PDB file of all heavy atoms in Angstrom:
ATOM      1  N   LEU A   1       4.812  17.741 -19.361  1.00  0.00           N
ATOM      2  CA  LEU A   1       4.055  18.039 -20.569  1.00  0.00           C
ATOM      3  C   LEU A   1       4.664  17.366 -21.797  1.00  0.00           C
ATOM      4  O   LEU A   1       5.878  17.271 -21.925  1.00  0.00           O
ATOM      5  CB  LEU A   1       4.005  19.551 -20.802  1.00  0.00           C
ATOM      6  CG  LEU A   1       3.310  20.395 -19.731  1.00  0.00           C
ATOM      7  CD1 LEU A   1       3.369  21.867 -20.114  1.00  0.00           C
ATOM      8  CD2 LEU A   1       1.856  19.969 -19.554  1.00  0.00           C
ATOM      9  N   ASP A   2       3.784  16.892 -22.676  1.00  0.00           N
ATOM     10  CA  ASP A   2       4.208  16.453 -24.000  1.00  0.00           C
ATOM     11  C   ASP A   2       3.270  17.112 -25.014  1.00  0.00           C
ATOM     12  O   ASP A   2       2.380  17.882 -24.647  1.00  0.00           O
ATOM     13  CB  ASP A   2       4.202  14.924 -24.128  1.00  0.00           C
ATOM     14  CG  ASP A   2       2.831  14.307 -23.833  1.00  0.00           C
ATOM     15  OD1 ASP A   2       1.822  15.045 -23.892  1.00  0.00           O
ATOM     16  OD2 ASP A   2       2.780  13.101 -23.541  1.00  0.00           O
ATOM     17  N   ALA A   3       3.477  16.830 -26.299  1.00  0.00           N
ATOM     18  CA  ALA A   3       2.692  17.504 -27.342  1.00  0.00           C
ATOM     19  C   ALA A   3       1.199  17.251 -27.185  1.00  0.00           C
ATOM     20  O   ALA A   3       0.375  18.150 -27.376  1.00  0.00           O
ATOM     21  CB  ALA A   3       3.173  17.036 -28.718  1.00  0.00           C
ATOM     22  N   THR A   4       0.847  16.024 -26.820  1.00  0.00           N
ATOM     23  CA  THR A   4      -0.573  15.680 -26.663  1.00  0.00           C
ATOM     24  C   THR A   4      -1.207  16.451 -25.514  1.00  0.00           C
ATOM     25  O   THR A   4      -2.319  16.976 -25.633  1.00  0.00           O
ATOM     26  CB  THR A   4      -0.730  14.165 -26.413  1.00  0.00           C
ATOM     27  OG1 THR A   4      -0.153  13.456 -27.515  1.00  0.00           O
ATOM     28  CG2 THR A   4      -2.188  13.783 -26.267  1.00  0.00           C
ATOM     29  N   MET A   5      -0.488  16.526 -24.389  1.00  0.00           N
ATOM     30  CA  MET A   5      -1.014  17.237 -23.230  1.00  0.00           C
ATOM     31  C   MET A   5      -1.172  18.729 -23.532  1.00  0.00           C
ATOM     32  O   MET A   5      -2.179  19.345 -23.162  1.00  0.00           O
ATOM     33  CB  MET A   5      -0.086  17.032 -22.034  1.00  0.00           C
ATOM     34  CG  MET A   5      -0.525  17.758 -20.768  1.00  0.00           C
ATOM     35  SD  MET A   5      -2.138  17.209 -20.174  1.00  0.00           S
ATOM     36  CE  MET A   5      -1.721  15.521 -19.704  1.00  0.00           C
ATOM     37  N   ILE A   6      -0.199  19.311 -24.210  1.00  0.00           N
ATOM     38  CA  ILE A   6      -0.266  20.737 -24.544  1.00  0.00           C
ATOM     39  C   ILE A   6      -1.455  21.009 -25.461  1.00  0.00           C
ATOM     40  O   ILE A   6      -2.198  21.979 -25.290  1.00  0.00           O
ATOM     41  CB  ILE A   6       1.052  21.204 -25.200  1.00  0.00           C
ATOM     42  CG1 ILE A   6       2.195  21.143 -24.178  1.00  0.00           C
ATOM     43  CG2 ILE A   6       0.908  22.619 -25.757  1.00  0.00           C
ATOM     44  CD1 ILE A   6       3.563  21.348 -24.773  1.00  0.00           C
ATOM     45  N   LYS A   7      -1.657  20.120 -26.439  1.00  0.00           N
ATOM     46  CA  LYS A   7      -2.797  20.269 -27.343  1.00  0.00           C
ATOM     47  C   LYS A   7      -4.108  20.190 -26.569  1.00  0.00           C
ATOM     48  O   LYS A   7      -5.047  20.961 -26.809  1.00  0.00           O
ATOM     49  CB  LYS A   7      -2.745  19.182 -28.422  1.00  0.00           C
ATOM     50  CG  LYS A   7      -3.898  19.257 -29.422  1.00  0.00           C
ATOM     51  CD  LYS A   7      -3.794  18.147 -30.459  1.00  0.00           C
ATOM     52  CE  LYS A   7      -4.967  18.185 -31.424  1.00  0.00           C
ATOM     53  NZ  LYS A   7      -4.905  17.080 -32.407  1.00  0.00           N
ATOM     54  N   MET A   8      -4.189  19.249 -25.619  1.00  0.00           N
ATOM     55  CA  MET A   8      -5.401  19.084 -24.820  1.00  0.00           C
ATOM     56  C   MET A   8      -5.680  20.327 -23.985  1.00  0.00           C
ATOM     57  O   MET A   8      -6.808  20.811 -23.913  1.00  0.00           O
ATOM     58  CB  MET A   8      -5.268  17.846 -23.928  1.00  0.00           C
ATOM     59  CG  MET A   8      -6.497  17.509 -23.107  1.00  0.00           C
ATOM     60  SD  MET A   8      -6.504  18.307 -21.482  1.00  0.00           S
ATOM     61  CE  MET A   8      -5.236  17.366 -20.655  1.00  0.00           C
ATOM     62  N   LEU A   9      -4.642  20.879 -23.339  1.00  0.00           N
ATOM     63  CA  LEU A   9      -4.819  22.080 -22.525  1.00  0.00           C
ATOM     64  C   LEU A   9      -5.278  23.257 -23.382  1.00  0.00           C
ATOM     65  O   LEU A   9      -6.110  24.065 -22.969  1.00  0.00           O
ATOM     66  CB  LEU A   9      -3.509  22.428 -21.811  1.00  0.00           C
ATOM     67  CG  LEU A   9      -3.044  21.447 -20.724  1.00  0.00           C
ATOM     68  CD1 LEU A   9      -1.644  21.817 -20.250  1.00  0.00           C
ATOM     69  CD2 LEU A   9      -4.005  21.440 -19.541  1.00  0.00           C
ATOM     70  N   THR A  10      -4.724  23.340 -24.588  1.00  0.00           N
ATOM     71  CA  THR A  10      -5.076  24.442 -25.494  1.00  0.00           C
ATOM     72  C   THR A  10      -6.521  24.331 -25.958  1.00  0.00           C
ATOM     73  O   THR A  10      -7.274  25.301 -25.917  1.00  0.00           O
ATOM     74  CB  THR A  10      -4.134  24.447 -26.712  1.00  0.00           C
ATOM     75  OG1 THR A  10      -2.778  24.564 -26.263  1.00  0.00           O
ATOM     76  CG2 THR A  10      -4.460  25.606 -27.643  1.00  0.00           C
ATOM     77  N   THR A  11      -6.920  23.110 -26.393  1.00  0.00           N
ATOM     78  CA  THR A  11      -8.282  22.932 -26.909  1.00  0.00           C
ATOM     79  C   THR A  11      -9.325  23.079 -25.811  1.00  0.00           C
ATOM     80  O   THR A  11     -10.478  23.406 -26.084  1.00  0.00           O
ATOM     81  CB  THR A  11      -8.442  21.543 -27.573  1.00  0.00           C
ATOM     82  OG1 THR A  11      -8.081  20.525 -26.626  1.00  0.00           O
ATOM     83  CG2 THR A  11      -7.548  21.423 -28.783  1.00  0.00           C
ATOM     84  N   ARG A  12      -8.925  22.863 -24.561  1.00  0.00           N
ATOM     85  CA  ARG A  12      -9.865  23.012 -23.453  1.00  0.00           C
ATOM     86  C   ARG A  12      -9.823  24.419 -22.860  1.00  0.00           C
ATOM     87  O   ARG A  12     -10.389  24.688 -21.816  1.00  0.00           O
ATOM     88  CB  ARG A  12      -9.574  21.975 -22.372  1.00  0.00           C
ATOM     89  CG  ARG A  12      -9.849  20.559 -22.855  1.00  0.00           C
ATOM     90  CD  ARG A  12      -9.641  19.549 -21.770  1.00  0.00           C
ATOM     91  NE  ARG A  12      -9.968  18.209 -22.245  1.00  0.00           N
ATOM     92  CZ  ARG A  12      -9.993  17.123 -21.490  1.00  0.00           C
ATOM     93  NH1 ARG A  12      -9.708  17.227 -20.208  1.00  0.00           N
ATOM     94  NH2 ARG A  12     -10.279  15.946 -21.983  1.00  0.00           N
ATOM     95  N   ASN A  13      -9.119  25.303 -23.557  1.00  0.00           N
ATOM     96  CA  ASN A  13      -9.094  26.729 -23.195  1.00  0.00           C
ATOM     97  C   ASN A  13      -8.569  26.995 -21.789  1.00  0.00           C
ATOM     98  O   ASN A  13      -9.048  27.896 -21.092  1.00  0.00           O
ATOM     99  CB  ASN A  13     -10.488  27.357 -23.365  1.00  0.00           C
ATOM    100  CG  ASN A  13     -10.982  27.298 -24.795  1.00  0.00           C
ATOM    101  OD1 ASN A  13     -10.229  27.591 -25.726  1.00  0.00           O
ATOM    102  ND2 ASN A  13     -12.219  26.888 -24.985  1.00  0.00           N
ATOM    103  N   VAL A  14      -7.584  26.213 -21.362  1.00  0.00           N
ATOM    104  CA  VAL A  14      -6.892  26.525 -20.106  1.00  0.00           C
ATOM    105  C   VAL A  14      -5.998  27.735 -20.392  1.00  0.00           C
ATOM    106  O   VAL A  14      -5.110  27.664 -21.246  1.00  0.00           O
ATOM    107  CB  VAL A  14      -6.046  25.331 -19.627  1.00  0.00           C
ATOM    108  CG1 VAL A  14      -5.240  25.702 -18.400  1.00  0.00           C
ATOM    109  CG2 VAL A  14      -6.936  24.131 -19.335  1.00  0.00           C
ATOM    110  N   PRO A  15      -6.216  28.863 -19.715  1.00  0.00           N
ATOM    111  CA  PRO A  15      -5.484  30.089 -20.082  1.00  0.00           C
ATOM    112  C   PRO A  15      -4.014  30.075 -19.702  1.00  0.00           C
ATOM    113  O   PRO A  15      -3.153  30.536 -20.464  1.00  0.00           O
ATOM    114  CB  PRO A  15      -6.236  31.193 -19.328  1.00  0.00           C
ATOM    115  CG  PRO A  15      -6.862  30.483 -18.165  1.00  0.00           C
ATOM    116  CD  PRO A  15      -7.188  29.101 -18.642  1.00  0.00           C
ATOM    117  N   SER A  16      -3.711  29.577 -18.517  1.00  0.00           N
ATOM    118  CA  SER A  16      -2.322  29.611 -18.048  1.00  0.00           C
ATOM    119  C   SER A  16      -2.042  28.396 -17.173  1.00  0.00           C
ATOM    120  O   SER A  16      -2.957  27.754 -16.662  1.00  0.00           O
ATOM    121  CB  SER A  16      -2.047  30.893 -17.254  1.00  0.00           C
ATOM    122  OG  SER A  16      -2.896  30.954 -16.119  1.00  0.00           O
ATOM    123  N   ILE A  17      -0.760  28.090 -17.017  1.00  0.00           N
ATOM    124  CA  ILE A  17      -0.349  26.967 -16.180  1.00  0.00           C
ATOM    125  C   ILE A  17       0.832  27.395 -15.314  1.00  0.00           C
ATOM    126  O   ILE A  17       1.528  28.351 -15.627  1.00  0.00           O
ATOM    127  CB  ILE A  17       0.059  25.740 -17.027  1.00  0.00           C
ATOM    128  CG1 ILE A  17       1.127  26.136 -18.062  1.00  0.00           C
ATOM    129  CG2 ILE A  17      -1.142  25.096 -17.679  1.00  0.00           C
ATOM    130  CD1 ILE A  17       1.672  24.958 -18.843  1.00  0.00           C
ATOM    131  N   GLU A  18       1.015  26.658 -14.226  1.00  0.00           N
ATOM    132  CA  GLU A  18       2.129  26.930 -13.327  1.00  0.00           C
ATOM    133  C   GLU A  18       3.151  25.815 -13.492  1.00  0.00           C
ATOM    134  O   GLU A  18       2.811  24.627 -13.401  1.00  0.00           O
ATOM    135  CB  GLU A  18       1.627  26.979 -11.883  1.00  0.00           C
ATOM    136  CG  GLU A  18       2.654  27.536 -10.905  1.00  0.00           C
ATOM    137  CD  GLU A  18       2.051  27.760  -9.524  1.00  0.00           C
ATOM    138  OE1 GLU A  18       0.836  28.067  -9.453  1.00  0.00           O
ATOM    139  OE2 GLU A  18       2.780  27.632  -8.535  1.00  0.00           O
ATOM    140  N   ILE A  19       4.399  26.195 -13.773  1.00  0.00           N
ATOM    141  CA  ILE A  19       5.413  25.190 -14.059  1.00  0.00           C
ATOM    142  C   ILE A  19       6.611  25.343 -13.133  1.00  0.00           C
ATOM    143  O   ILE A  19       6.833  26.401 -12.524  1.00  0.00           O
ATOM    144  CB  ILE A  19       5.899  25.279 -15.519  1.00  0.00           C
ATOM    145  CG1 ILE A  19       6.545  26.652 -15.787  1.00  0.00           C
ATOM    146  CG2 ILE A  19       4.768  25.003 -16.494  1.00  0.00           C
ATOM    147  CD1 ILE A  19       7.300  26.721 -17.088  1.00  0.00           C
ATOM    148  N   LEU A  20       7.397  24.270 -13.048  1.00  0.00           N
ATOM    149  CA  LEU A  20       8.643  24.262 -12.279  1.00  0.00           C
ATOM    150  C   LEU A  20       9.830  24.340 -13.235  1.00  0.00           C
ATOM    151  O   LEU A  20       9.782  23.819 -14.347  1.00  0.00           O
ATOM    152  CB  LEU A  20       8.766  22.966 -11.465  1.00  0.00           C
ATOM    153  CG  LEU A  20       7.790  22.749 -10.316  1.00  0.00           C
ATOM    154  CD1 LEU A  20       7.953  21.340  -9.776  1.00  0.00           C
ATOM    155  CD2 LEU A  20       8.045  23.757  -9.207  1.00  0.00           C
ATOM    156  N   SER A  21      10.898  24.963 -12.782  1.00  0.00           N
ATOM    157  CA  SER A  21      12.116  25.001 -13.581  1.00  0.00           C
ATOM    158  C   SER A  21      13.328  25.085 -12.653  1.00  0.00           C
ATOM    159  O   SER A  21      13.301  25.815 -11.653  1.00  0.00           O
ATOM    160  CB  SER A  21      12.115  26.210 -14.531  1.00  0.00           C
ATOM    161  OG  SER A  21      13.320  26.272 -15.258  1.00  0.00           O
ATOM    162  N   VAL A  22      14.368  24.326 -12.983  1.00  0.00           N
ATOM    163  CA  VAL A  22      15.581  24.370 -12.157  1.00  0.00           C
ATOM    164  C   VAL A  22      16.444  25.578 -12.507  1.00  0.00           C
ATOM    165  O   VAL A  22      17.352  25.941 -11.769  1.00  0.00           O
ATOM    166  CB  VAL A  22      16.418  23.077 -12.320  1.00  0.00           C
ATOM    167  CG1 VAL A  22      15.657  21.879 -11.790  1.00  0.00           C
ATOM    168  CG2 VAL A  22      16.789  22.845 -13.782  1.00  0.00           C
ATOM    169  N   THR A  23      16.156  26.196 -13.647  1.00  0.00           N
ATOM    170  CA  THR A  23      16.906  27.383 -14.059  1.00  0.00           C
ATOM    171  C   THR A  23      15.943  28.530 -14.335  1.00  0.00           C
ATOM    172  O   THR A  23      14.737  28.332 -14.502  1.00  0.00           O
ATOM    173  CB  THR A  23      17.729  27.105 -15.330  1.00  0.00           C
ATOM    174  OG1 THR A  23      16.836  26.696 -16.381  1.00  0.00           O
ATOM    175  CG2 THR A  23      18.749  26.006 -15.090  1.00  0.00           C
ATOM    176  N   GLU A  24      16.487  29.727 -14.408  1.00  0.00           N
ATOM    177  CA  GLU A  24      15.658  30.899 -14.676  1.00  0.00           C
ATOM    178  C   GLU A  24      15.255  30.920 -16.140  1.00  0.00           C
ATOM    179  O   GLU A  24      16.076  30.698 -17.037  1.00  0.00           O
ATOM    180  CB  GLU A  24      16.428  32.171 -14.334  1.00  0.00           C
ATOM    181  CG  GLU A  24      15.578  33.423 -14.385  1.00  0.00           C
ATOM    182  CD  GLU A  24      16.315  34.640 -13.847  1.00  0.00           C
ATOM    183  OE1 GLU A  24      17.483  34.490 -13.446  1.00  0.00           O
ATOM    184  OE2 GLU A  24      15.716  35.726 -13.849  1.00  0.00           O
ATOM    185  N   ILE A  25      13.972  31.176 -16.401  1.00  0.00           N
ATOM    186  CA  ILE A  25      13.464  31.245 -17.770  1.00  0.00           C
ATOM    187  C   ILE A  25      13.508  32.686 -18.247  1.00  0.00           C
ATOM    188  O   ILE A  25      12.995  33.586 -17.587  1.00  0.00           O
ATOM    189  CB  ILE A  25      12.019  30.693 -17.845  1.00  0.00           C
ATOM    190  CG1 ILE A  25      12.010  29.199 -17.526  1.00  0.00           C
ATOM    191  CG2 ILE A  25      11.416  30.937 -19.220  1.00  0.00           C
ATOM    192  CD1 ILE A  25      10.632  28.580 -17.519  1.00  0.00           C
ATOM    193  N   THR A  26      14.109  32.892 -19.413  1.00  0.00           N
ATOM    194  CA  THR A  26      14.252  34.263 -19.931  1.00  0.00           C
ATOM    195  C   THR A  26      13.729  34.414 -21.356  1.00  0.00           C
ATOM    196  O   THR A  26      13.652  35.530 -21.864  1.00  0.00           O
ATOM    197  CB  THR A  26      15.735  34.687 -19.913  1.00  0.00           C
ATOM    198  OG1 THR A  26      16.490  33.755 -20.717  1.00  0.00           O
ATOM    199  CG2 THR A  26      16.284  34.700 -18.500  1.00  0.00           C
ATOM    200  N   ASP A  27      13.370  33.296 -21.995  1.00  0.00           N
ATOM    201  CA  ASP A  27      13.023  33.376 -23.418  1.00  0.00           C
ATOM    202  C   ASP A  27      11.529  33.472 -23.694  1.00  0.00           C
ATOM    203  O   ASP A  27      11.112  33.597 -24.844  1.00  0.00           O
ATOM    204  CB  ASP A  27      13.604  32.167 -24.177  1.00  0.00           C
ATOM    205  CG  ASP A  27      13.132  30.839 -23.597  1.00  0.00           C
ATOM    206  OD1 ASP A  27      12.707  30.835 -22.436  1.00  0.00           O
ATOM    207  OD2 ASP A  27      13.204  29.819 -24.310  1.00  0.00           O
ATOM    208  N   ILE A  28      10.660  33.391 -22.656  1.00  0.00           N
ATOM    209  CA  ILE A  28       9.222  33.533 -22.855  1.00  0.00           C
ATOM    210  C   ILE A  28       8.652  34.409 -21.743  1.00  0.00           C
ATOM    211  O   ILE A  28       9.234  34.488 -20.657  1.00  0.00           O
ATOM    212  CB  ILE A  28       8.502  32.167 -22.863  1.00  0.00           C
ATOM    213  CG1 ILE A  28       8.738  31.418 -21.537  1.00  0.00           C
ATOM    214  CG2 ILE A  28       8.928  31.312 -24.039  1.00  0.00           C
ATOM    215  CD1 ILE A  28       7.956  30.130 -21.438  1.00  0.00           C
ATOM    216  N   PRO A  29       7.496  35.067 -21.995  1.00  0.00           N
ATOM    217  CA  PRO A  29       6.880  35.902 -20.950  1.00  0.00           C
ATOM    218  C   PRO A  29       6.423  35.032 -19.779  1.00  0.00           C
ATOM    219  O   PRO A  29       5.727  34.046 -19.973  1.00  0.00           O
ATOM    220  CB  PRO A  29       5.684  36.544 -21.670  1.00  0.00           C
ATOM    221  CG  PRO A  29       5.953  36.371 -23.124  1.00  0.00           C
ATOM    222  CD  PRO A  29       6.763  35.127 -23.270  1.00  0.00           C
TER     223      PRO A  29
END
């Protein structure tokens, strides 16, 4: 993801996305 892609997903009303992470995420729901 970059800023343009995030903006596109938001404007197209994509509610949620599935992401990969090598570490545990604790700072966002």
